[in-house]
C-alpha atoms as a PDB file:
ATOM      1  CA  MET A   1    -148.412-102.275 160.911  1.00  0.00           C
ATOM      2  CA  ASP A   2    -151.408-100.177 160.037  1.00  0.00           C
ATOM      3  CA  ILE A   3    -154.307-101.946 160.628  1.00  0.00           C
ATOM      4  CA  ASP A   4    -157.937-101.058 159.795  1.00  0.00           C
ATOM      5  CA  LEU A   5    -160.487-102.969 162.092  1.00  0.00           C
ATOM      6  CA  GLU A   6    -164.062-103.119 160.405  1.00  0.00           C
ATOM      7  CA  THR A   7    -167.073-104.716 161.514  1.00  0.00           C
ATOM      8  CA  ILE A   8    -169.052-107.560 160.011  1.00  0.00           C
ATOM      9  CA  ASP A   9    -172.175-109.430 160.306  1.00  0.00           C
ATOM     10  CA  PRO A  10    -171.456-112.191 163.151  1.00  0.00           C
ATOM     11  CA  ALA A  11    -172.707-114.902 160.344  1.00  0.00           C
ATOM     12  CA  ASP A  12    -169.695-113.667 158.066  1.00  0.00           C
ATOM     13  CA  ARG A  13    -166.210-115.189 158.530  1.00  0.00           C
ATOM     14  CA  PRO A  14    -163.884-112.878 160.210  1.00  0.00           C
ATOM     15  CA  HIS A  15    -160.444-112.527 158.197  1.00  0.00           C
ATOM     16  CA  LEU A  16    -157.403-110.423 157.408  1.00  0.00           C
ATOM     17  CA  ALA A  17    -156.819-109.059 154.140  1.00  0.00           C
ATOM     18  CA  LEU A  18    -153.982-106.748 152.567  1.00  0.00           C
ATOM     19  CA  ALA A  19    -155.530-103.820 151.137  1.00  0.00           C
ATOM     20  CA  ALA A  20    -154.290-102.039 147.821  1.00  0.00           C
ATOM     21  CA  ASP A  21    -152.902 -99.082 150.206  1.00  0.00           C
ATOM     22  CA  GLU A  22    -150.814-101.483 152.245  1.00  0.00           C
ATOM     23  CA  LYS A  23    -153.191-101.170 155.210  1.00  0.00           C
ATOM     24  CA  ILE A  24    -154.194-104.778 156.764  1.00  0.00           C
ATOM     25  CA  ARG A  25    -157.985-104.597 156.601  1.00  0.00           C
ATOM     26  CA  VAL A  26    -159.396-106.962 159.685  1.00  0.00           C
ATOM     27  CA  PRO A  27    -162.864-107.446 159.301  1.00  0.00           C
ATOM     28  CA  VAL A  28    -164.393-108.737 162.562  1.00  0.00           C
ATOM     29  CA  PRO A  29    -167.908-109.195 164.247  1.00  0.00           C
ATOM     30  CA  LEU A  30    -168.586-106.662 167.018  1.00  0.00           C
ATOM     31  CA  ASN A  31    -168.312-109.002 169.499  1.00  0.00           C
ATOM     32  CA  TRP A  32    -164.736-109.451 168.918  1.00  0.00           C
ATOM     33  CA  ALA A  33    -163.918-106.706 171.225  1.00  0.00           C
ATOM     34  CA  THR A  34    -165.122-108.133 174.112  1.00  0.00           C
ATOM     35  CA  ASP A  35    -164.726-112.120 173.041  1.00  0.00           C
ATOM     36  CA  VAL A  36    -160.877-111.410 171.885  1.00  0.00           C
ATOM     37  CA  TRP A  37    -159.538-107.888 172.496  1.00  0.00           C
ATOM     38  CA  GLY A  38    -160.978-107.465 176.008  1.00  0.00           C
ATOM     39  CA  ARG A  39    -159.568-110.933 177.037  1.00  0.00           C
ATOM     40  CA  GLY A  40    -155.991-109.827 175.882  1.00  0.00           C
ATOM     41  CA  LEU A  41    -156.187-112.333 173.159  1.00  0.00           C
ATOM     42  CA  ALA A  42    -155.722-110.456 170.238  1.00  0.00           C
ATOM     43  CA  VAL A  43    -152.021-111.520 169.440  1.00  0.00           C
ATOM     44  CA  LEU A  44    -150.867-114.798 170.843  1.00  0.00           C
ATOM     45  CA  ALA A  45    -147.612-116.924 169.454  1.00  0.00           C
ATOM     46  CA  GLU A  46    -147.233-114.483 166.500  1.00  0.00           C
ATOM     47  CA  GLN A  47    -150.794-115.132 165.274  1.00  0.00           C
ATOM     48  CA  PHE A  48    -153.557-112.751 165.208  1.00  0.00           C
ATOM     49  CA  THR A  49    -156.692-113.862 166.990  1.00  0.00           C
ATOM     50  CA  LEU A  50    -159.996-113.630 164.586  1.00  0.00           C
ATOM     51  CA  ALA A  51    -162.328-115.348 167.194  1.00  0.00           C
ATOM     52  CA  VAL A  52    -162.788-117.509 169.937  1.00  0.00           C
ATOM     53  CA  LEU A  53    -164.546-120.849 168.996  1.00  0.00           C
ATOM     54  CA  GLU A  54    -164.975-122.304 172.037  1.00  0.00           C
ATOM     55  CA  ALA A  55    -164.080-121.228 175.761  1.00  0.00           C
ATOM     56  CA  GLY A  56    -164.355-122.694 179.223  1.00  0.00           C
ATOM     57  CA  PRO A  57    -162.618-122.736 182.668  1.00  0.00           C
ATOM     58  CA  GLY A  58    -159.116-122.384 181.976  1.00  0.00           C
ATOM     59  CA  ARG A  59    -158.997-123.026 178.348  1.00  0.00           C
ATOM     60  CA  ALA A  60    -159.959-121.501 174.984  1.00  0.00           C
ATOM     61  CA  VAL A  61    -159.858-122.558 171.362  1.00  0.00           C
ATOM     62  CA  LEU A  62    -158.811-119.871 169.045  1.00  0.00           C
ATOM     63  CA  ASP A  63    -159.260-119.039 165.331  1.00  0.00           C
ATOM     64  CA  THR A  64    -155.949-117.480 164.218  1.00  0.00           C
ATOM     65  CA  VAL A  65    -154.047-116.591 161.098  1.00  0.00           C
ATOM     66  CA  SER A  66    -150.440-115.987 161.000  1.00  0.00           C
ATOM     67  CA  PHE A  67    -148.975-112.112 160.126  1.00  0.00           C
ATOM     68  CA  ASP A  68    -148.071-113.849 156.693  1.00  0.00           C
ATOM     69  CA  LEU A  69    -152.175-113.487 156.110  1.00  0.00           C
ATOM     70  CA  GLN A  70    -152.143-116.967 154.756  1.00  0.00           C
ATOM     71  CA  THR A  71    -151.681-119.501 157.646  1.00  0.00           C
ATOM     72  CA  ARG A  72    -154.867-119.899 159.546  1.00  0.00           C
ATOM     73  CA  ARG A  73    -155.090-122.258 162.343  1.00  0.00           C
ATOM     74  CA  GLN A  74    -156.391-123.230 165.359  1.00  0.00           C
ATOM     75  CA  LEU A  75    -154.715-122.467 168.651  1.00  0.00           C
ATOM     76  CA  GLU A  76    -155.732-123.987 171.985  1.00  0.00           C
ATOM     77  CA  VAL A  77    -154.874-121.780 175.170  1.00  0.00           C
ATOM     78  CA  GLN A  78    -154.716-123.066 178.385  1.00  0.00           C
ATOM     79  CA  THR A  79    -154.181-121.023 181.520  1.00  0.00           C
ATOM     80  CA  VAL A  80    -152.190-122.099 184.831  1.00  0.00           C
ATOM     81  CA  ASN A  81    -153.211-120.964 188.315  1.00  0.00           C
ATOM     82  CA  VAL A  82    -150.268-119.785 190.169  1.00  0.00           C
ATOM     83  CA  VAL A  83    -150.079-120.123 193.676  1.00  0.00           C
END
């Protein structure tokens, strides 16, 4: 996949779009790098994470889009402590 990340204003909604040159454009706010990518949440369950909507101890709700570039959904992720 050929992906171009672009930064947008935090008030704008992140999304994925197929450009004319067949590259996938990913306009996201700058904090995406720390909130999503830095936490290892960029791709989960064949979904690309656009934003973290809620986060708490052991839990996060993500705004995701499928790689068909059409299906958008919220994905809840919970962590499990392994002893």
